[in-house]
Each structure stands twice: as C-alpha cells, then as structure tokens.
Amino acid sequence: MLTSQLQQCRLGVDVIDDEHFRLLEELHDLIDLVRSGEPYEEAVNNLKQHLRTHFEREDELMTRMRYPYIAAHLRDHNNLLDLVDKFSSQVRIGTSLAYSTMVVENIFADHITNFDSQYVDFMKRKYTPHDV
C-alpha cells in the first residue's frame, strides 16, 4: 500500500514530495512497530516532531507566498497532529489496529492530495521551482 500511496500523493515538487514520502514511510514504520507488539511511543514522538517541522516549513512557505487559504490548511495540520495522538491512544485501549491504521493513512493521504495539492498548484502558478 505504501508504494501506491506514495504515487498517489506525488505533487511534482521534489523537496515537498521527498518530505511527504519520508513522513509516510515513518508512519508505516510506526504501524509496523505496533503490529509487532514492540514499544512504539518513541516512534510516535519522532513522527509528531517530524510532522511539526514539516508543517513549520509549509507554514513559512505559504506565508511567504501569501497563500489565501492558509488558515484552513493550518487547522488541518493541527488535526493531523491530534490524529497521531488519537491513533496512539486508540491502540492503547484496544481499538482495532486495522481500523486505526486505515483512518490515519487515509486522512494523512487526504491532506496531501486535497490541502497540499492546492497550495502547490498555487505555488506553481506564482513561482518557479527554484523559489521553493
């Protein structure tokens, strides 16, 4: 599923795509840890930190280019961070791992294909790739 997700989430800006791919791989590594029964709390914390760093870069980029829909985009970033927390707590209380995984993967991919694609399209119309 990761390979098809990566292709589905490709936006055509290498620096952004590379970060998204690393985050998706990290998410899948976390899910693998949970499935194997190994401790996963450190992986959750690392993923959240990497998401925050990625979101800060996106925020800076959107601010710099005066992206008109930044407020909604940033709200969705907060929702994604909350979702990672919920995933962790859902697993802890015994919610189906398959269900929790599906929700997180789909919402994460949905953010890239719906929110990130909009600001990337805006950026491509306004800037050349070396401006990113």
N, C-alpha and C. Protein backbone atom coordinates (compact mmCIF):
# COMPACT_ATOMS: atom_id res chain seq x y z
N MET A 1 0.82 -1.20 0.00
CA MET A 1 0.00 0.00 0.00
C MET A 1 0.86 1.26 0.00
N LEU A 2 2.03 1.21 0.63
CA LEU A 2 2.87 2.39 0.72
C LEU A 2 3.26 2.89 -0.67
N THR A 3 3.67 1.99 -1.57
CA THR A 3 4.09 2.41 -2.90
C THR A 3 2.97 3.11 -3.64
N SER A 4 1.77 2.56 -3.61
CA SER A 4 0.65 3.21 -4.30
C SER A 4 0.28 4.52 -3.63
N GLN A 5 0.39 4.58 -2.31
CA GLN A 5 0.12 5.82 -1.59
C GLN A 5 1.12 6.89 -1.98
N LEU A 6 2.39 6.52 -2.09
CA LEU A 6 3.42 7.47 -2.45
C LEU A 6 3.17 8.05 -3.84
N GLN A 7 2.78 7.20 -4.77
CA GLN A 7 2.50 7.68 -6.12
C GLN A 7 1.25 8.56 -6.15
N GLN A 8 0.25 8.19 -5.39
CA GLN A 8 -1.00 8.95 -5.32
C GLN A 8 -0.76 10.33 -4.72
N CYS A 9 0.21 10.43 -3.83
CA CYS A 9 0.46 11.68 -3.11
C CYS A 9 1.52 12.55 -3.77
N ARG A 10 2.03 12.15 -4.89
CA ARG A 10 3.07 12.91 -5.59
C ARG A 10 2.49 14.23 -6.10
N LEU A 11 3.17 15.34 -5.76
CA LEU A 11 2.69 16.67 -6.14
C LEU A 11 3.55 17.34 -7.22
N GLY A 12 4.71 16.76 -7.51
CA GLY A 12 5.54 17.30 -8.58
C GLY A 12 6.56 18.34 -8.16
N VAL A 13 6.75 18.52 -6.86
CA VAL A 13 7.82 19.39 -6.34
C VAL A 13 8.68 18.49 -5.46
N ASP A 14 9.89 18.19 -5.95
CA ASP A 14 10.72 17.17 -5.32
C ASP A 14 10.92 17.37 -3.83
N VAL A 15 11.24 18.59 -3.41
CA VAL A 15 11.52 18.82 -1.99
C VAL A 15 10.29 18.51 -1.12
N ILE A 16 9.13 18.84 -1.60
CA ILE A 16 7.88 18.57 -0.86
C ILE A 16 7.55 17.08 -0.93
N ASP A 17 7.64 16.51 -2.13
CA ASP A 17 7.36 15.08 -2.28
C ASP A 17 8.30 14.24 -1.42
N ASP A 18 9.58 14.60 -1.38
CA ASP A 18 10.54 13.84 -0.57
C ASP A 18 10.16 13.86 0.91
N GLU A 19 9.76 15.02 1.40
CA GLU A 19 9.34 15.10 2.82
C GLU A 19 8.09 14.27 3.06
N HIS A 20 7.12 14.37 2.16
CA HIS A 20 5.89 13.58 2.32
C HIS A 20 6.20 12.09 2.31
N PHE A 21 7.09 11.67 1.41
CA PHE A 21 7.43 10.26 1.32
C PHE A 21 8.10 9.80 2.61
N ARG A 22 9.02 10.60 3.15
CA ARG A 22 9.68 10.22 4.41
C ARG A 22 8.66 10.13 5.55
N LEU A 23 7.72 11.06 5.59
CA LEU A 23 6.70 11.03 6.65
C LEU A 23 5.80 9.81 6.50
N LEU A 24 5.40 9.49 5.27
CA LEU A 24 4.58 8.30 5.06
C LEU A 24 5.34 7.03 5.44
N GLU A 25 6.61 6.97 5.10
CA GLU A 25 7.42 5.81 5.49
C GLU A 25 7.51 5.72 7.01
N GLU A 26 7.68 6.85 7.66
CA GLU A 26 7.76 6.86 9.12
C GLU A 26 6.44 6.40 9.74
N LEU A 27 5.34 6.83 9.15
CA LEU A 27 4.02 6.40 9.61
C LEU A 27 3.89 4.88 9.47
N HIS A 28 4.31 4.35 8.35
CA HIS A 28 4.22 2.90 8.14
C HIS A 28 5.16 2.14 9.06
N ASP A 29 6.33 2.71 9.34
CA ASP A 29 7.23 2.08 10.31
C ASP A 29 6.59 2.03 11.70
N LEU A 30 5.92 3.10 12.07
CA LEU A 30 5.20 3.13 13.35
C LEU A 30 4.13 2.04 13.39
N ILE A 31 3.37 1.93 12.33
CA ILE A 31 2.31 0.92 12.27
C ILE A 31 2.91 -0.48 12.37
N ASP A 32 4.05 -0.70 11.71
CA ASP A 32 4.73 -2.00 11.80
C ASP A 32 5.16 -2.31 13.23
N LEU A 33 5.67 -1.29 13.94
CA LEU A 33 6.05 -1.49 15.35
C LEU A 33 4.85 -1.91 16.19
N VAL A 34 3.74 -1.21 15.98
CA VAL A 34 2.53 -1.52 16.76
C VAL A 34 2.07 -2.94 16.44
N ARG A 35 2.07 -3.29 15.17
CA ARG A 35 1.64 -4.64 14.76
C ARG A 35 2.51 -5.73 15.38
N SER A 36 3.80 -5.45 15.50
CA SER A 36 4.72 -6.46 16.03
C SER A 36 4.70 -6.54 17.55
N GLY A 37 3.99 -5.60 18.18
CA GLY A 37 3.92 -5.60 19.64
C GLY A 37 5.11 -4.95 20.31
N GLU A 38 5.97 -4.32 19.53
CA GLU A 38 7.14 -3.66 20.09
C GLU A 38 6.75 -2.29 20.63
N PRO A 39 7.57 -1.74 21.52
CA PRO A 39 7.29 -0.39 22.03
C PRO A 39 7.29 0.61 20.87
N TYR A 40 6.32 1.49 20.87
CA TYR A 40 6.16 2.42 19.74
C TYR A 40 6.08 3.88 20.16
N GLU A 41 6.13 4.16 21.47
CA GLU A 41 5.95 5.53 21.95
C GLU A 41 7.00 6.48 21.39
N GLU A 42 8.25 6.01 21.32
CA GLU A 42 9.32 6.87 20.78
C GLU A 42 9.06 7.17 19.30
N ALA A 43 8.57 6.18 18.56
CA ALA A 43 8.26 6.38 17.14
C ALA A 43 7.13 7.38 16.97
N VAL A 44 6.13 7.34 17.86
CA VAL A 44 5.04 8.33 17.82
C VAL A 44 5.59 9.73 18.05
N ASN A 45 6.43 9.86 19.06
CA ASN A 45 7.01 11.17 19.37
C ASN A 45 7.88 11.68 18.22
N ASN A 46 8.67 10.80 17.62
CA ASN A 46 9.50 11.20 16.48
C ASN A 46 8.65 11.63 15.29
N LEU A 47 7.61 10.87 15.01
CA LEU A 47 6.72 11.22 13.90
C LEU A 47 6.08 12.59 14.14
N LYS A 48 5.61 12.80 15.37
CA LYS A 48 4.99 14.10 15.67
C LYS A 48 5.99 15.24 15.51
N GLN A 49 7.23 15.03 15.95
CA GLN A 49 8.24 16.08 15.81
C GLN A 49 8.55 16.35 14.34
N HIS A 50 8.65 15.30 13.55
CA HIS A 50 8.92 15.48 12.13
C HIS A 50 7.74 16.13 11.42
N LEU A 51 6.53 15.78 11.84
CA LEU A 51 5.35 16.45 11.28
C LEU A 51 5.37 17.94 11.62
N ARG A 52 5.68 18.26 12.88
CA ARG A 52 5.73 19.68 13.28
C ARG A 52 6.76 20.45 12.45
N THR A 53 7.93 19.86 12.27
CA THR A 53 8.98 20.51 11.48
C THR A 53 8.51 20.71 10.03
N HIS A 54 7.91 19.69 9.47
CA HIS A 54 7.38 19.79 8.10
C HIS A 54 6.30 20.87 8.02
N PHE A 55 5.41 20.86 8.99
CA PHE A 55 4.32 21.85 8.99
C PHE A 55 4.86 23.27 9.15
N GLU A 56 5.90 23.44 9.96
CA GLU A 56 6.50 24.77 10.11
C GLU A 56 7.07 25.26 8.78
N ARG A 57 7.70 24.35 8.04
CA ARG A 57 8.23 24.73 6.71
C ARG A 57 7.11 25.10 5.76
N GLU A 58 6.03 24.30 5.78
CA GLU A 58 4.89 24.62 4.93
C GLU A 58 4.28 25.96 5.32
N ASP A 59 4.13 26.19 6.62
CA ASP A 59 3.58 27.45 7.11
C ASP A 59 4.41 28.63 6.61
N GLU A 60 5.73 28.50 6.74
CA GLU A 60 6.63 29.56 6.29
C GLU A 60 6.49 29.80 4.79
N LEU A 61 6.43 28.72 4.02
CA LEU A 61 6.29 28.84 2.57
C LEU A 61 4.96 29.48 2.19
N MET A 62 3.88 29.03 2.81
CA MET A 62 2.56 29.58 2.49
C MET A 62 2.46 31.05 2.90
N THR A 63 3.07 31.40 4.03
CA THR A 63 3.08 32.79 4.48
C THR A 63 3.85 33.65 3.50
N ARG A 64 5.02 33.16 3.10
CA ARG A 64 5.88 33.91 2.18
C ARG A 64 5.18 34.17 0.84
N MET A 65 4.43 33.21 0.35
CA MET A 65 3.77 33.39 -0.94
C MET A 65 2.35 33.93 -0.82
N ARG A 66 1.98 34.27 0.42
CA ARG A 66 0.65 34.85 0.70
C ARG A 66 -0.48 33.93 0.19
N TYR A 67 -0.38 32.70 0.57
CA TYR A 67 -1.38 31.71 0.18
C TYR A 67 -2.71 32.08 0.84
N PRO A 68 -3.77 32.25 0.05
CA PRO A 68 -5.03 32.76 0.61
C PRO A 68 -5.80 31.80 1.52
N TYR A 69 -5.50 30.51 1.48
CA TYR A 69 -6.26 29.53 2.26
C TYR A 69 -5.42 28.95 3.40
N ILE A 70 -4.49 29.72 3.88
CA ILE A 70 -3.54 29.24 4.88
C ILE A 70 -4.23 28.84 6.19
N ALA A 71 -5.23 29.58 6.61
CA ALA A 71 -5.88 29.29 7.91
C ALA A 71 -6.47 27.89 7.94
N ALA A 72 -7.20 27.50 6.90
CA ALA A 72 -7.79 26.17 6.84
C ALA A 72 -6.70 25.10 6.77
N HIS A 73 -5.65 25.39 6.04
CA HIS A 73 -4.54 24.44 5.90
C HIS A 73 -3.88 24.20 7.26
N LEU A 74 -3.64 25.27 8.00
CA LEU A 74 -3.01 25.14 9.31
C LEU A 74 -3.91 24.42 10.31
N ARG A 75 -5.22 24.63 10.21
CA ARG A 75 -6.16 23.89 11.07
C ARG A 75 -6.04 22.39 10.79
N ASP A 76 -5.89 22.04 9.52
CA ASP A 76 -5.78 20.63 9.20
C ASP A 76 -4.46 20.05 9.71
N HIS A 77 -3.41 20.86 9.73
CA HIS A 77 -2.15 20.40 10.34
C HIS A 77 -2.37 20.03 11.80
N ASN A 78 -3.08 20.88 12.53
CA ASN A 78 -3.38 20.58 13.94
C ASN A 78 -4.21 19.31 14.06
N ASN A 79 -5.16 19.14 13.14
CA ASN A 79 -5.98 17.92 13.16
C ASN A 79 -5.12 16.68 12.95
N LEU A 80 -4.12 16.77 12.07
CA LEU A 80 -3.25 15.62 11.83
C LEU A 80 -2.42 15.28 13.07
N LEU A 81 -1.91 16.29 13.75
CA LEU A 81 -1.15 16.04 14.98
C LEU A 81 -2.06 15.40 16.04
N ASP A 82 -3.28 15.89 16.15
CA ASP A 82 -4.24 15.28 17.08
C ASP A 82 -4.53 13.83 16.68
N LEU A 83 -4.61 13.58 15.39
CA LEU A 83 -4.91 12.24 14.90
C LEU A 83 -3.81 11.24 15.29
N VAL A 84 -2.56 11.68 15.24
CA VAL A 84 -1.46 10.80 15.65
C VAL A 84 -1.60 10.47 17.13
N ASP A 85 -1.97 11.46 17.94
CA ASP A 85 -2.22 11.21 19.37
C ASP A 85 -3.36 10.21 19.55
N LYS A 86 -4.43 10.42 18.80
CA LYS A 86 -5.60 9.53 18.92
C LYS A 86 -5.25 8.11 18.49
N PHE A 87 -4.44 7.99 17.44
CA PHE A 87 -4.02 6.66 16.99
C PHE A 87 -3.34 5.93 18.14
N SER A 88 -2.41 6.62 18.77
CA SER A 88 -1.66 6.02 19.87
C SER A 88 -2.60 5.60 21.01
N SER A 89 -3.51 6.47 21.39
CA SER A 89 -4.41 6.14 22.50
C SER A 89 -5.43 5.07 22.09
N GLN A 90 -5.86 5.08 20.84
CA GLN A 90 -6.80 4.05 20.37
C GLN A 90 -6.15 2.67 20.44
N VAL A 91 -4.89 2.60 20.02
CA VAL A 91 -4.18 1.32 20.08
C VAL A 91 -4.04 0.88 21.53
N ARG A 92 -3.72 1.83 22.42
CA ARG A 92 -3.54 1.51 23.82
C ARG A 92 -4.81 0.92 24.45
N ILE A 93 -5.98 1.42 24.04
CA ILE A 93 -7.23 0.93 24.64
C ILE A 93 -7.81 -0.28 23.90
N GLY A 94 -7.11 -0.72 22.85
CA GLY A 94 -7.53 -1.95 22.19
C GLY A 94 -8.43 -1.78 20.98
N THR A 95 -8.57 -0.57 20.46
CA THR A 95 -9.33 -0.39 19.22
C THR A 95 -8.62 -1.15 18.12
N SER A 96 -9.37 -1.66 17.20
CA SER A 96 -8.80 -2.44 16.10
C SER A 96 -7.65 -1.69 15.44
N LEU A 97 -6.51 -2.35 15.38
CA LEU A 97 -5.33 -1.76 14.75
C LEU A 97 -5.60 -1.51 13.27
N ALA A 98 -6.27 -2.45 12.62
CA ALA A 98 -6.56 -2.29 11.19
C ALA A 98 -7.40 -1.05 10.96
N TYR A 99 -8.42 -0.86 11.79
CA TYR A 99 -9.28 0.32 11.65
C TYR A 99 -8.49 1.60 11.94
N SER A 100 -7.75 1.63 13.04
CA SER A 100 -6.98 2.82 13.40
C SER A 100 -5.97 3.17 12.31
N THR A 101 -5.33 2.15 11.78
CA THR A 101 -4.34 2.35 10.72
C THR A 101 -4.99 2.93 9.47
N MET A 102 -6.12 2.35 9.09
CA MET A 102 -6.81 2.82 7.89
C MET A 102 -7.20 4.29 8.03
N VAL A 103 -7.73 4.66 9.19
CA VAL A 103 -8.14 6.04 9.42
C VAL A 103 -6.95 6.99 9.29
N VAL A 104 -5.85 6.67 9.96
CA VAL A 104 -4.67 7.54 9.93
C VAL A 104 -4.11 7.63 8.51
N GLU A 105 -3.92 6.50 7.85
CA GLU A 105 -3.37 6.52 6.49
C GLU A 105 -4.24 7.33 5.54
N ASN A 106 -5.54 7.11 5.61
CA ASN A 106 -6.44 7.80 4.69
C ASN A 106 -6.49 9.30 4.94
N ILE A 107 -6.52 9.70 6.19
CA ILE A 107 -6.58 11.13 6.49
C ILE A 107 -5.27 11.80 6.13
N PHE A 108 -4.16 11.13 6.37
CA PHE A 108 -2.85 11.67 6.02
C PHE A 108 -2.76 11.86 4.51
N ALA A 109 -3.11 10.83 3.75
CA ALA A 109 -3.07 10.91 2.28
C ALA A 109 -4.07 11.95 1.78
N ASP A 110 -5.23 12.04 2.43
CA ASP A 110 -6.24 13.02 2.05
C ASP A 110 -5.71 14.45 2.22
N HIS A 111 -4.96 14.69 3.28
CA HIS A 111 -4.40 16.02 3.49
C HIS A 111 -3.46 16.38 2.34
N ILE A 112 -2.62 15.45 1.95
CA ILE A 112 -1.66 15.72 0.87
C ILE A 112 -2.40 15.96 -0.44
N THR A 113 -3.34 15.07 -0.77
CA THR A 113 -3.99 15.18 -2.08
C THR A 113 -4.99 16.33 -2.15
N ASN A 114 -5.56 16.75 -1.02
CA ASN A 114 -6.53 17.84 -1.06
C ASN A 114 -5.97 19.19 -0.63
N PHE A 115 -5.32 19.24 0.51
CA PHE A 115 -4.81 20.52 1.02
C PHE A 115 -3.47 20.89 0.36
N ASP A 116 -2.51 19.97 0.42
CA ASP A 116 -1.18 20.30 -0.09
C ASP A 116 -1.20 20.50 -1.60
N SER A 117 -2.00 19.75 -2.31
CA SER A 117 -2.05 19.92 -3.76
C SER A 117 -2.54 21.31 -4.14
N GLN A 118 -3.44 21.87 -3.33
CA GLN A 118 -3.95 23.22 -3.62
C GLN A 118 -2.86 24.27 -3.46
N TYR A 119 -2.08 24.19 -2.37
CA TYR A 119 -1.06 25.22 -2.20
C TYR A 119 0.09 25.01 -3.17
N VAL A 120 0.37 23.76 -3.55
CA VAL A 120 1.41 23.50 -4.54
C VAL A 120 0.98 24.04 -5.91
N ASP A 121 -0.27 23.84 -6.27
CA ASP A 121 -0.77 24.41 -7.53
C ASP A 121 -0.66 25.93 -7.52
N PHE A 122 -1.03 26.54 -6.41
CA PHE A 122 -0.91 28.00 -6.26
C PHE A 122 0.55 28.42 -6.41
N MET A 123 1.43 27.69 -5.76
CA MET A 123 2.86 28.00 -5.80
C MET A 123 3.40 27.86 -7.22
N LYS A 124 3.01 26.81 -7.93
CA LYS A 124 3.49 26.60 -9.29
C LYS A 124 3.04 27.72 -10.22
N ARG A 125 1.87 28.26 -9.98
CA ARG A 125 1.39 29.38 -10.81
C ARG A 125 2.14 30.67 -10.49
N LYS A 126 2.58 30.80 -9.26
CA LYS A 126 3.15 32.07 -8.80
C LYS A 126 4.68 32.10 -8.83
N TYR A 127 5.33 30.94 -8.69
CA TYR A 127 6.77 30.88 -8.55
C TYR A 127 7.39 29.85 -9.46
N THR A 128 8.69 29.95 -9.65
CA THR A 128 9.43 28.91 -10.36
C THR A 128 9.94 27.92 -9.33
N PRO A 129 10.28 26.70 -9.72
CA PRO A 129 10.69 25.68 -8.74
C PRO A 129 11.87 26.08 -7.86
N HIS A 130 12.82 26.86 -8.37
CA HIS A 130 13.97 27.23 -7.52
C HIS A 130 13.61 28.22 -6.42
N ASP A 131 12.42 28.82 -6.49
CA ASP A 131 11.96 29.74 -5.44
C ASP A 131 11.54 29.00 -4.18
N VAL A 132 11.24 27.71 -4.31
CA VAL A 132 10.76 26.93 -3.18
C VAL A 132 11.90 26.71 -2.25
